[in-house]
N, C-alpha and C. Protein backbone atom coordinates (compact mmCIF):
# COMPACT_ATOMS: atom_id res chain seq x y z
N MET A 1 104.36 104.29 126.27
CA MET A 1 104.20 105.42 125.38
C MET A 1 102.78 105.41 124.83
N THR A 2 102.13 106.54 124.80
CA THR A 2 100.79 106.65 124.24
C THR A 2 100.87 107.21 122.82
N GLY A 3 99.79 107.09 122.07
CA GLY A 3 99.75 107.59 120.70
C GLY A 3 100.02 109.08 120.62
N ARG A 4 99.62 109.84 121.63
CA ARG A 4 99.81 111.29 121.57
C ARG A 4 101.26 111.69 121.79
N GLU A 5 102.08 110.83 122.37
CA GLU A 5 103.51 111.11 122.50
C GLU A 5 104.21 110.92 121.16
N VAL A 6 103.63 110.12 120.28
CA VAL A 6 104.15 109.92 118.95
C VAL A 6 103.62 111.05 118.09
N ARG A 7 104.47 111.73 117.38
CA ARG A 7 104.06 112.91 116.59
C ARG A 7 103.86 112.59 115.12
N GLU A 8 104.41 111.47 114.65
CA GLU A 8 104.32 111.12 113.24
C GLU A 8 104.33 109.61 113.11
N ILE A 9 103.43 109.10 112.24
CA ILE A 9 103.38 107.66 111.98
C ILE A 9 103.29 107.44 110.48
N THR A 10 103.83 106.34 110.01
CA THR A 10 103.67 105.93 108.61
C THR A 10 103.01 104.56 108.63
N ILE A 11 101.88 104.46 107.94
CA ILE A 11 101.12 103.22 107.94
C ILE A 11 100.66 102.88 106.53
N ASP A 12 100.36 101.60 106.30
CA ASP A 12 99.81 101.16 105.03
C ASP A 12 98.44 101.80 104.85
N THR A 13 98.17 102.29 103.66
CA THR A 13 96.90 102.98 103.41
C THR A 13 95.70 102.05 103.56
N TRP A 14 95.87 100.77 103.29
CA TRP A 14 94.76 99.82 103.38
C TRP A 14 94.45 99.42 104.82
N ALA A 15 95.31 99.79 105.78
CA ALA A 15 95.19 99.31 107.16
C ALA A 15 94.01 99.92 107.92
N ILE A 16 93.48 101.04 107.42
CA ILE A 16 92.40 101.73 108.14
C ILE A 16 91.28 102.04 107.16
N GLU A 17 90.05 101.69 107.57
CA GLU A 17 88.88 102.01 106.76
C GLU A 17 88.27 103.31 107.27
N LEU A 18 88.02 104.23 106.36
CA LEU A 18 87.39 105.50 106.70
C LEU A 18 85.88 105.32 106.82
N ASP A 19 85.22 106.31 107.40
CA ASP A 19 83.76 106.26 107.56
C ASP A 19 83.03 106.08 106.24
N ASN A 20 83.62 106.54 105.14
CA ASN A 20 82.97 106.43 103.83
C ASN A 20 83.21 105.08 103.17
N GLY A 21 83.87 104.16 103.89
CA GLY A 21 84.14 102.83 103.37
C GLY A 21 85.44 102.71 102.59
N GLU A 22 86.08 103.83 102.30
CA GLU A 22 87.35 103.83 101.59
C GLU A 22 88.49 103.67 102.59
N ASN A 23 89.71 103.53 102.08
CA ASN A 23 90.87 103.47 102.98
C ASN A 23 91.61 104.80 102.94
N LEU A 24 92.79 104.86 103.55
CA LEU A 24 93.53 106.12 103.67
C LEU A 24 94.00 106.70 102.34
N ARG A 25 93.97 105.91 101.26
CA ARG A 25 94.31 106.45 99.94
C ARG A 25 93.30 107.50 99.50
N ASP A 26 92.14 107.52 100.14
CA ASP A 26 91.09 108.48 99.81
C ASP A 26 91.42 109.88 100.33
N LEU A 27 92.42 110.00 101.20
CA LEU A 27 92.82 111.29 101.75
C LEU A 27 93.69 112.05 100.75
N ASN A 28 93.67 113.36 100.88
CA ASN A 28 94.61 114.23 100.17
C ASN A 28 95.62 114.74 101.19
N ILE A 29 96.77 115.19 100.72
CA ILE A 29 97.73 115.80 101.61
C ILE A 29 97.04 116.98 102.29
N GLY A 30 97.17 117.07 103.62
CA GLY A 30 96.54 118.14 104.39
C GLY A 30 95.18 117.77 104.95
N ASP A 31 94.59 116.64 104.50
CA ASP A 31 93.32 116.20 105.06
C ASP A 31 93.55 115.62 106.45
N ALA A 32 92.57 115.84 107.32
CA ALA A 32 92.66 115.31 108.69
C ALA A 32 91.78 114.07 108.82
N VAL A 33 92.19 113.18 109.70
CA VAL A 33 91.44 111.96 109.98
C VAL A 33 91.48 111.71 111.49
N GLU A 34 90.35 111.33 112.04
CA GLU A 34 90.26 111.01 113.47
C GLU A 34 90.35 109.49 113.61
N LEU A 35 91.41 109.01 114.26
CA LEU A 35 91.53 107.58 114.51
C LEU A 35 90.79 107.28 115.81
N HIS A 36 90.02 106.21 115.81
CA HIS A 36 89.14 105.88 116.93
C HIS A 36 89.89 105.54 118.21
N THR A 37 89.25 105.90 119.32
CA THR A 37 89.77 105.54 120.63
C THR A 37 89.90 104.03 120.70
N GLY A 38 90.95 103.57 121.31
CA GLY A 38 91.19 102.14 121.42
C GLY A 38 92.24 101.66 120.43
N THR A 39 92.55 102.48 119.42
CA THR A 39 93.64 102.12 118.52
C THR A 39 94.94 102.59 119.17
N ALA A 40 96.04 102.11 118.69
CA ALA A 40 97.33 102.49 119.27
C ALA A 40 97.60 103.98 119.13
N PHE A 41 97.01 104.61 118.12
CA PHE A 41 97.30 106.02 117.85
C PHE A 41 96.00 106.81 117.70
N ASP A 42 95.13 106.72 118.70
CA ASP A 42 93.84 107.42 118.63
C ASP A 42 94.05 108.92 118.64
N GLY A 43 93.10 109.64 118.07
CA GLY A 43 93.15 111.09 118.04
C GLY A 43 93.17 111.62 116.62
N LEU A 44 93.42 112.91 116.48
CA LEU A 44 93.39 113.60 115.20
C LEU A 44 94.77 113.57 114.55
N TRP A 45 94.80 113.22 113.27
CA TRP A 45 96.03 113.15 112.49
C TRP A 45 95.80 113.84 111.16
N ILE A 46 96.87 114.37 110.57
CA ILE A 46 96.78 115.05 109.28
C ILE A 46 97.74 114.37 108.30
N ALA A 47 97.27 114.15 107.07
CA ALA A 47 98.09 113.49 106.05
C ALA A 47 99.23 114.40 105.62
N LYS A 48 100.45 113.91 105.79
CA LYS A 48 101.64 114.69 105.43
C LYS A 48 102.15 114.33 104.04
N GLU A 49 102.28 113.02 103.77
CA GLU A 49 102.78 112.59 102.46
C GLU A 49 102.47 111.11 102.23
N PHE A 50 102.39 110.75 100.97
CA PHE A 50 102.23 109.36 100.56
C PHE A 50 103.55 108.89 99.97
N ASN A 51 103.82 107.59 100.09
CA ASN A 51 105.03 107.11 99.42
C ASN A 51 104.79 107.14 97.92
N GLU A 52 105.82 106.88 97.14
CA GLU A 52 105.72 107.07 95.68
C GLU A 52 104.63 106.24 95.02
N ARG A 53 104.25 105.12 95.58
CA ARG A 53 103.19 104.30 95.00
C ARG A 53 101.86 104.47 95.72
N GLY A 54 101.80 105.29 96.74
CA GLY A 54 100.56 105.51 97.48
C GLY A 54 100.16 104.37 98.38
N ALA A 55 101.07 103.43 98.63
CA ALA A 55 100.75 102.27 99.46
C ALA A 55 100.85 102.58 100.95
N ALA A 56 101.55 103.65 101.29
CA ALA A 56 101.70 104.06 102.70
C ALA A 56 101.53 105.57 102.79
N VAL A 57 101.06 106.01 103.95
CA VAL A 57 100.86 107.43 104.18
C VAL A 57 101.52 107.80 105.51
N THR A 58 102.14 108.97 105.56
CA THR A 58 102.69 109.49 106.80
C THR A 58 101.69 110.49 107.35
N LEU A 59 101.31 110.27 108.61
CA LEU A 59 100.36 111.14 109.31
C LEU A 59 101.08 111.88 110.42
N GLN A 60 100.71 113.14 110.65
CA GLN A 60 101.25 113.93 111.75
C GLN A 60 100.15 114.18 112.76
N ALA A 61 100.51 114.14 114.05
CA ALA A 61 99.56 114.48 115.11
C ALA A 61 99.04 115.88 114.85
N ALA A 62 97.75 116.10 115.10
CA ALA A 62 97.14 117.38 114.75
C ALA A 62 96.18 117.84 115.84
N THR A 63 95.79 119.10 115.71
CA THR A 63 94.78 119.69 116.57
C THR A 63 93.90 120.60 115.72
N VAL A 64 92.72 120.91 116.21
CA VAL A 64 91.81 121.79 115.48
C VAL A 64 92.06 123.23 115.92
N VAL A 65 92.14 124.12 114.94
CA VAL A 65 92.31 125.55 115.20
C VAL A 65 91.28 126.31 114.37
N GLU A 66 91.12 127.58 114.67
CA GLU A 66 90.22 128.40 113.87
C GLU A 66 90.95 129.57 113.25
N ASN A 67 91.83 130.21 114.02
CA ASN A 67 92.49 131.40 113.52
C ASN A 67 94.00 131.21 113.51
N CYS A 68 94.50 130.54 112.49
CA CYS A 68 95.94 130.33 112.39
C CYS A 68 96.65 131.58 111.86
N ALA A 69 95.92 132.56 111.36
CA ALA A 69 96.52 133.76 110.79
C ALA A 69 97.24 134.61 111.83
N ALA A 70 96.99 134.36 113.11
CA ALA A 70 97.68 135.11 114.16
C ALA A 70 99.18 134.86 114.11
N ASP A 71 99.60 133.74 113.53
CA ASP A 71 101.02 133.41 113.39
C ASP A 71 101.33 133.31 111.90
N THR A 72 102.02 134.30 111.35
CA THR A 72 102.28 134.33 109.91
C THR A 72 103.12 133.15 109.43
N GLU A 73 103.86 132.51 110.33
CA GLU A 73 104.67 131.35 109.96
C GLU A 73 103.82 130.14 109.57
N ILE A 74 102.63 130.03 110.15
CA ILE A 74 101.79 128.86 109.90
C ILE A 74 100.46 129.20 109.24
N ALA A 75 100.18 130.48 109.02
CA ALA A 75 98.90 130.89 108.45
C ALA A 75 98.62 130.14 107.15
N CYS A 76 97.35 129.78 106.96
CA CYS A 76 96.98 129.07 105.75
C CYS A 76 95.66 129.61 105.21
N GLN A 77 95.25 129.10 104.08
CA GLN A 77 94.04 129.58 103.41
C GLN A 77 92.76 129.30 104.18
N TYR A 78 92.80 128.45 105.20
CA TYR A 78 91.60 128.09 105.95
C TYR A 78 91.41 128.92 107.22
N SER A 79 92.28 129.88 107.47
CA SER A 79 92.16 130.71 108.66
C SER A 79 90.78 131.36 108.70
N GLY A 80 90.17 131.34 109.87
CA GLY A 80 88.83 131.89 110.03
C GLY A 80 87.76 130.81 110.07
N SER A 81 88.14 129.58 109.72
CA SER A 81 87.22 128.45 109.84
C SER A 81 87.94 127.32 110.58
N ARG A 82 87.17 126.44 111.20
CA ARG A 82 87.76 125.33 111.94
C ARG A 82 88.47 124.37 110.98
N HIS A 83 89.73 124.08 111.26
CA HIS A 83 90.52 123.18 110.43
C HIS A 83 91.66 122.61 111.26
N ALA A 84 92.36 121.62 110.73
CA ALA A 84 93.43 120.96 111.47
C ALA A 84 94.80 121.49 111.06
N HIS A 85 95.70 121.53 112.05
CA HIS A 85 97.11 121.82 111.84
C HIS A 85 97.91 120.78 112.61
N PRO A 86 99.05 120.35 112.05
CA PRO A 86 99.92 119.46 112.82
C PRO A 86 100.51 120.21 114.01
N VAL A 87 100.90 119.45 115.02
CA VAL A 87 101.51 120.02 116.22
C VAL A 87 102.80 119.28 116.54
N ASP A 88 103.73 119.98 117.19
CA ASP A 88 104.98 119.35 117.60
C ASP A 88 104.82 118.76 119.00
N ALA A 89 105.89 118.25 119.57
CA ALA A 89 105.85 117.59 120.88
C ALA A 89 105.43 118.53 122.01
N GLU A 90 105.61 119.84 121.82
CA GLU A 90 105.22 120.83 122.83
C GLU A 90 103.85 121.44 122.51
N SER A 91 103.12 120.81 121.59
CA SER A 91 101.78 121.25 121.16
C SER A 91 101.78 122.59 120.44
N ARG A 92 102.94 123.00 119.89
CA ARG A 92 103.00 124.20 119.06
C ARG A 92 102.50 123.86 117.67
N LEU A 93 101.73 124.78 117.10
CA LEU A 93 101.20 124.56 115.75
C LEU A 93 102.31 124.60 114.72
N LEU A 94 102.19 123.75 113.70
CA LEU A 94 103.12 123.70 112.58
C LEU A 94 102.36 124.04 111.30
N ARG A 95 103.10 124.34 110.23
CA ARG A 95 102.46 124.59 108.93
C ARG A 95 101.73 123.35 108.46
N ARG A 96 100.58 123.56 107.81
CA ARG A 96 99.83 122.45 107.22
C ARG A 96 100.59 121.92 106.02
N PRO A 97 100.63 120.61 105.87
CA PRO A 97 101.22 120.07 104.63
C PRO A 97 100.30 120.43 103.46
N GLU A 98 100.89 120.63 102.31
CA GLU A 98 100.13 121.01 101.13
C GLU A 98 100.45 120.09 99.98
N THR A 99 99.49 119.90 99.09
CA THR A 99 99.75 119.12 97.89
C THR A 99 100.62 119.94 96.97
N ALA A 100 101.26 119.28 96.03
CA ALA A 100 102.15 119.97 95.10
C ALA A 100 101.37 120.96 94.22
N THR A 101 100.07 120.71 94.04
CA THR A 101 99.28 121.59 93.18
C THR A 101 98.50 122.62 93.96
N ALA A 102 98.61 122.62 95.29
CA ALA A 102 97.85 123.58 96.11
C ALA A 102 98.38 124.98 95.88
N SER A 103 97.48 125.95 95.85
CA SER A 103 97.90 127.34 95.71
C SER A 103 97.82 128.02 97.05
N SER A 104 98.69 128.96 97.29
CA SER A 104 98.72 129.66 98.57
C SER A 104 97.86 130.89 98.53
């Protein structure tokens, strides 16, 4: 099984260092992160949720889109600019996860 066959992973936030020197706790819900080639789950992932203490984060497999507004089911505030959306096993776009305080 390759990382791209896996659609969702939950990992400890300290397990991966970001380019800015921080770990995955530095992400917000809906932020995308590119895991480097050679890791078990290389590719683009989007933060879906943190556990209640923020010690682990669930990431969803993602792809870059520009015009998500073509599908009203998944349209988001970033339509018209390049941004990430999670994808299902058939590579269909899904709604972006949002923080509890995000406005639509």
